[in-house]
């Protein structure tokens, strides 16, 4: 038979989680096959009372551009990408 035989065991969604229940009512295959539509930016709908940034505008633990740990991470990523590109070039040359 072509019908899947595996059915995962999952927890029930509590009634208080209305959005999650509505989301799960749609077929997973249908949800994943539809293109993602971008959400409207609601910042234009908010009236600002001060020039201070909203505490909700950014996670307090999010790295800033000057954060040294972020820069170290980006340097490592760039180095690993260079190594990967070099290896890929060597493989292409060996196969050609």
N, C-alpha and C. Protein backbone atom coordinates (compact mmCIF):
# COMPACT_ATOMS: atom_id res chain seq x y z
N UNK A 1 0.84 -1.18 0.00
CA UNK A 1 0.00 0.00 0.00
C UNK A 1 0.88 1.24 0.00
N UNK A 2 0.41 2.31 -0.63
CA UNK A 2 1.18 3.54 -0.73
C UNK A 2 0.90 4.51 0.42
N UNK A 3 -0.03 4.15 1.25
CA UNK A 3 -0.35 5.01 2.40
C UNK A 3 0.77 4.90 3.44
N UNK A 4 1.16 6.04 4.03
CA UNK A 4 2.21 5.97 5.07
C UNK A 4 1.73 5.15 6.26
N UNK A 5 2.63 4.36 6.81
CA UNK A 5 2.26 3.54 7.95
C UNK A 5 2.69 4.16 9.28
N UNK A 6 3.54 5.18 9.22
CA UNK A 6 4.03 5.80 10.45
C UNK A 6 3.15 6.98 10.83
N UNK A 7 2.77 7.02 12.08
CA UNK A 7 2.00 8.14 12.61
C UNK A 7 2.69 8.59 13.89
N UNK A 8 3.33 9.77 13.87
CA UNK A 8 4.07 10.19 15.06
C UNK A 8 3.16 10.47 16.25
N UNK A 9 3.67 10.21 17.43
CA UNK A 9 2.93 10.52 18.66
C UNK A 9 3.22 11.98 19.01
N UNK A 10 2.19 12.78 19.10
CA UNK A 10 2.37 14.20 19.41
C UNK A 10 1.47 14.58 20.58
N UNK A 11 1.83 15.66 21.22
CA UNK A 11 1.03 16.17 22.32
C UNK A 11 -0.20 16.89 21.77
N UNK A 12 -1.26 16.88 22.56
CA UNK A 12 -2.47 17.61 22.19
C UNK A 12 -2.22 19.10 22.36
N UNK A 13 -2.85 19.89 21.52
CA UNK A 13 -2.73 21.35 21.63
C UNK A 13 -3.83 21.83 22.57
N UNK A 14 -3.45 22.53 23.65
CA UNK A 14 -4.46 23.01 24.60
C UNK A 14 -5.46 23.96 23.93
N UNK A 15 -6.69 23.96 24.41
CA UNK A 15 -7.75 24.80 23.85
C UNK A 15 -7.41 26.28 23.91
N UNK A 16 -6.62 26.69 24.91
CA UNK A 16 -6.28 28.11 25.05
C UNK A 16 -5.36 28.60 23.93
N UNK A 17 -4.76 27.68 23.19
CA UNK A 17 -3.86 28.03 22.09
C UNK A 17 -4.63 28.04 20.77
N UNK A 18 -5.52 29.02 20.66
CA UNK A 18 -6.42 29.07 19.50
C UNK A 18 -5.68 29.21 18.17
N UNK A 19 -4.65 30.05 18.13
CA UNK A 19 -3.92 30.24 16.88
C UNK A 19 -3.22 28.96 16.44
N UNK A 20 -2.63 28.25 17.41
CA UNK A 20 -1.95 27.00 17.09
C UNK A 20 -2.95 25.97 16.59
N UNK A 21 -4.11 25.91 17.21
CA UNK A 21 -5.14 24.95 16.77
C UNK A 21 -5.59 25.26 15.35
N UNK A 22 -5.80 26.54 15.05
CA UNK A 22 -6.21 26.94 13.70
C UNK A 22 -5.12 26.60 12.68
N UNK A 23 -3.87 26.84 13.05
CA UNK A 23 -2.73 26.55 12.18
C UNK A 23 -2.66 25.06 11.87
N UNK A 24 -2.87 24.24 12.89
CA UNK A 24 -2.75 22.80 12.71
C UNK A 24 -3.94 22.17 12.00
N UNK A 25 -5.04 22.90 11.86
CA UNK A 25 -6.19 22.35 11.14
C UNK A 25 -5.92 22.24 9.65
N UNK A 26 -4.99 23.06 9.14
CA UNK A 26 -4.66 22.99 7.72
C UNK A 26 -3.63 21.88 7.50
N UNK A 27 -3.71 21.21 6.39
CA UNK A 27 -2.80 20.12 6.06
C UNK A 27 -1.36 20.62 6.04
N UNK A 28 -0.45 19.85 6.63
CA UNK A 28 0.96 20.24 6.64
C UNK A 28 1.50 20.36 5.22
N UNK A 29 1.05 19.51 4.32
CA UNK A 29 1.52 19.56 2.94
C UNK A 29 1.03 20.83 2.25
N UNK A 30 -0.17 21.22 2.55
CA UNK A 30 -0.71 22.45 1.97
C UNK A 30 0.02 23.68 2.53
N UNK A 31 0.26 23.67 3.85
CA UNK A 31 0.97 24.80 4.47
C UNK A 31 2.35 24.98 3.87
N UNK A 32 3.07 23.88 3.70
CA UNK A 32 4.45 23.96 3.23
C UNK A 32 4.56 24.20 1.73
N UNK A 33 3.51 23.92 0.98
CA UNK A 33 3.58 24.10 -0.47
C UNK A 33 3.17 25.50 -0.91
N UNK A 34 2.56 26.26 -0.01
CA UNK A 34 2.15 27.62 -0.37
C UNK A 34 3.31 28.58 -0.14
N UNK A 35 3.46 29.58 -1.02
CA UNK A 35 4.53 30.56 -0.81
C UNK A 35 4.26 31.38 0.44
N UNK A 36 5.33 31.79 1.08
CA UNK A 36 5.23 32.60 2.29
C UNK A 36 4.89 34.03 1.89
N UNK A 37 3.89 34.58 2.53
CA UNK A 37 3.54 35.97 2.25
C UNK A 37 4.12 36.83 3.37
N UNK A 38 4.84 37.89 3.01
CA UNK A 38 5.44 38.72 4.05
C UNK A 38 4.37 39.42 4.88
N UNK A 39 4.65 39.56 6.17
CA UNK A 39 3.72 40.25 7.06
C UNK A 39 3.84 41.75 6.85
N UNK A 40 2.73 42.43 7.04
CA UNK A 40 2.74 43.88 6.95
C UNK A 40 3.55 44.47 8.08
N UNK A 41 4.30 45.51 7.77
CA UNK A 41 5.06 46.21 8.79
C UNK A 41 4.11 47.09 9.57
N UNK A 42 4.00 46.83 10.86
CA UNK A 42 3.05 47.58 11.68
C UNK A 42 3.66 48.83 12.30
N UNK A 43 4.94 49.09 12.05
CA UNK A 43 5.54 50.27 12.68
C UNK A 43 4.92 51.55 12.16
N UNK A 44 4.42 51.54 10.92
CA UNK A 44 3.80 52.74 10.38
C UNK A 44 2.44 53.01 11.02
N UNK A 45 1.84 51.99 11.64
CA UNK A 45 0.54 52.15 12.26
C UNK A 45 0.64 52.64 13.70
N UNK A 46 1.84 52.61 14.26
CA UNK A 46 2.02 52.98 15.66
C UNK A 46 2.34 54.47 15.74
N UNK A 47 1.70 55.17 16.67
CA UNK A 47 2.04 56.58 16.86
C UNK A 47 3.11 56.65 17.94
N UNK A 48 4.19 57.31 17.64
CA UNK A 48 5.30 57.40 18.56
C UNK A 48 5.11 58.60 19.48
N UNK A 49 5.30 58.38 20.78
CA UNK A 49 5.15 59.45 21.75
C UNK A 49 6.49 60.00 22.19
N UNK A 50 7.57 59.30 21.91
CA UNK A 50 8.88 59.81 22.27
C UNK A 50 9.89 59.34 21.23
N UNK A 51 11.08 59.85 21.32
CA UNK A 51 12.14 59.45 20.39
C UNK A 51 12.92 58.24 20.87
N UNK A 52 12.60 57.76 22.09
CA UNK A 52 13.30 56.60 22.63
C UNK A 52 12.90 55.35 21.87
N UNK A 53 13.87 54.46 21.59
CA UNK A 53 13.50 53.20 20.93
C UNK A 53 12.66 52.33 21.85
N UNK A 54 11.77 51.59 21.26
CA UNK A 54 10.91 50.70 22.03
C UNK A 54 11.74 49.58 22.63
N UNK A 55 11.47 49.18 23.87
CA UNK A 55 12.21 48.05 24.45
C UNK A 55 11.89 46.75 23.72
N UNK A 56 10.81 46.72 22.96
CA UNK A 56 10.44 45.51 22.22
C UNK A 56 11.04 45.49 20.83
N UNK A 57 11.71 46.57 20.42
CA UNK A 57 12.21 46.65 19.06
C UNK A 57 13.39 45.73 18.83
N UNK A 58 14.06 45.29 19.89
CA UNK A 58 15.23 44.47 19.72
C UNK A 58 15.48 43.65 20.96
N UNK A 59 15.93 42.46 20.78
CA UNK A 59 16.25 41.60 21.90
C UNK A 59 17.45 42.18 22.63
N UNK A 60 17.39 42.22 23.94
CA UNK A 60 18.48 42.82 24.70
C UNK A 60 19.77 42.02 24.58
N UNK A 61 19.68 40.75 24.23
CA UNK A 61 20.89 39.94 24.09
C UNK A 61 21.39 39.89 22.65
N UNK A 62 20.70 40.56 21.74
CA UNK A 62 21.11 40.53 20.34
C UNK A 62 22.43 41.28 20.19
N UNK A 63 23.37 40.73 19.39
CA UNK A 63 24.66 41.38 19.25
C UNK A 63 24.54 42.68 18.44
N UNK A 64 25.42 43.59 18.74
CA UNK A 64 25.49 44.84 17.98
C UNK A 64 26.62 44.72 16.99
N UNK A 65 26.68 45.66 16.04
CA UNK A 65 27.71 45.62 15.01
C UNK A 65 29.10 45.68 15.63
N UNK A 66 29.28 46.42 16.72
CA UNK A 66 30.58 46.55 17.35
C UNK A 66 30.92 45.42 18.30
N UNK A 67 30.04 44.50 18.49
CA UNK A 67 30.27 43.42 19.44
C UNK A 67 31.40 42.53 18.95
N UNK A 68 32.45 42.41 19.76
CA UNK A 68 33.64 41.64 19.37
C UNK A 68 33.33 40.17 19.10
N UNK A 69 32.42 39.59 19.88
CA UNK A 69 32.11 38.17 19.66
C UNK A 69 31.45 37.97 18.30
N UNK A 70 30.63 38.92 17.87
CA UNK A 70 30.02 38.83 16.55
C UNK A 70 31.08 38.92 15.47
N UNK A 71 32.01 39.84 15.65
CA UNK A 71 33.08 39.98 14.65
C UNK A 71 33.94 38.73 14.57
N UNK A 72 34.25 38.12 15.72
CA UNK A 72 35.02 36.87 15.70
C UNK A 72 34.25 35.78 14.98
N UNK A 73 32.96 35.70 15.24
CA UNK A 73 32.12 34.71 14.58
C UNK A 73 32.14 34.91 13.06
N UNK A 74 31.97 36.15 12.63
CA UNK A 74 31.96 36.44 11.19
C UNK A 74 33.30 36.14 10.55
N UNK A 75 34.40 36.41 11.25
CA UNK A 75 35.73 36.08 10.71
C UNK A 75 35.87 34.57 10.55
N UNK A 76 35.42 33.81 11.57
CA UNK A 76 35.48 32.34 11.47
C UNK A 76 34.64 31.85 10.30
N UNK A 77 33.45 32.42 10.15
CA UNK A 77 32.58 32.01 9.05
C UNK A 77 33.24 32.29 7.70
N UNK A 78 33.84 33.47 7.57
CA UNK A 78 34.53 33.81 6.31
C UNK A 78 35.70 32.89 6.05
N UNK A 79 36.48 32.58 7.09
CA UNK A 79 37.61 31.67 6.94
C UNK A 79 37.13 30.29 6.48
N UNK A 80 36.10 29.77 7.14
CA UNK A 80 35.57 28.45 6.77
C UNK A 80 35.02 28.45 5.35
N UNK A 81 34.42 29.55 4.95
CA UNK A 81 33.90 29.64 3.58
C UNK A 81 35.04 29.64 2.57
N UNK A 82 36.14 30.33 2.89
CA UNK A 82 37.31 30.31 2.00
C UNK A 82 37.87 28.90 1.87
N UNK A 83 37.98 28.20 2.99
CA UNK A 83 38.48 26.83 2.98
C UNK A 83 37.56 25.95 2.13
N UNK A 84 36.27 26.14 2.30
CA UNK A 84 35.30 25.35 1.53
C UNK A 84 35.42 25.64 0.03
N UNK A 85 35.55 26.90 -0.31
CA UNK A 85 35.68 27.28 -1.72
C UNK A 85 36.97 26.71 -2.32
N UNK A 86 38.06 26.74 -1.55
CA UNK A 86 39.33 26.18 -2.03
C UNK A 86 39.20 24.68 -2.27
N UNK A 87 38.57 23.97 -1.31
CA UNK A 87 38.37 22.53 -1.47
C UNK A 87 37.51 22.23 -2.69
N UNK A 88 36.48 23.02 -2.87
CA UNK A 88 35.60 22.83 -4.02
C UNK A 88 36.37 23.04 -5.32
N UNK A 89 37.22 24.07 -5.36
CA UNK A 89 38.06 24.31 -6.54
C UNK A 89 38.99 23.16 -6.83
N UNK A 90 39.61 22.61 -5.77
CA UNK A 90 40.50 21.46 -5.94
C UNK A 90 39.75 20.25 -6.47
N UNK A 91 38.55 20.02 -5.96
CA UNK A 91 37.75 18.89 -6.44
C UNK A 91 37.37 19.06 -7.91
N UNK A 92 36.98 20.28 -8.26
CA UNK A 92 36.62 20.55 -9.66
C UNK A 92 37.81 20.35 -10.58
N UNK A 93 38.99 20.79 -10.13
CA UNK A 93 40.20 20.62 -10.95
C UNK A 93 40.57 19.15 -11.09
N UNK A 94 40.37 18.37 -10.03
CA UNK A 94 40.72 16.95 -10.07
C UNK A 94 39.78 16.17 -10.98
N UNK A 95 38.52 16.60 -11.04
CA UNK A 95 37.51 15.89 -11.85
C UNK A 95 37.62 16.29 -13.32
N UNK A 96 38.07 17.50 -13.59
CA UNK A 96 38.13 18.01 -14.98
C UNK A 96 39.18 17.34 -15.82
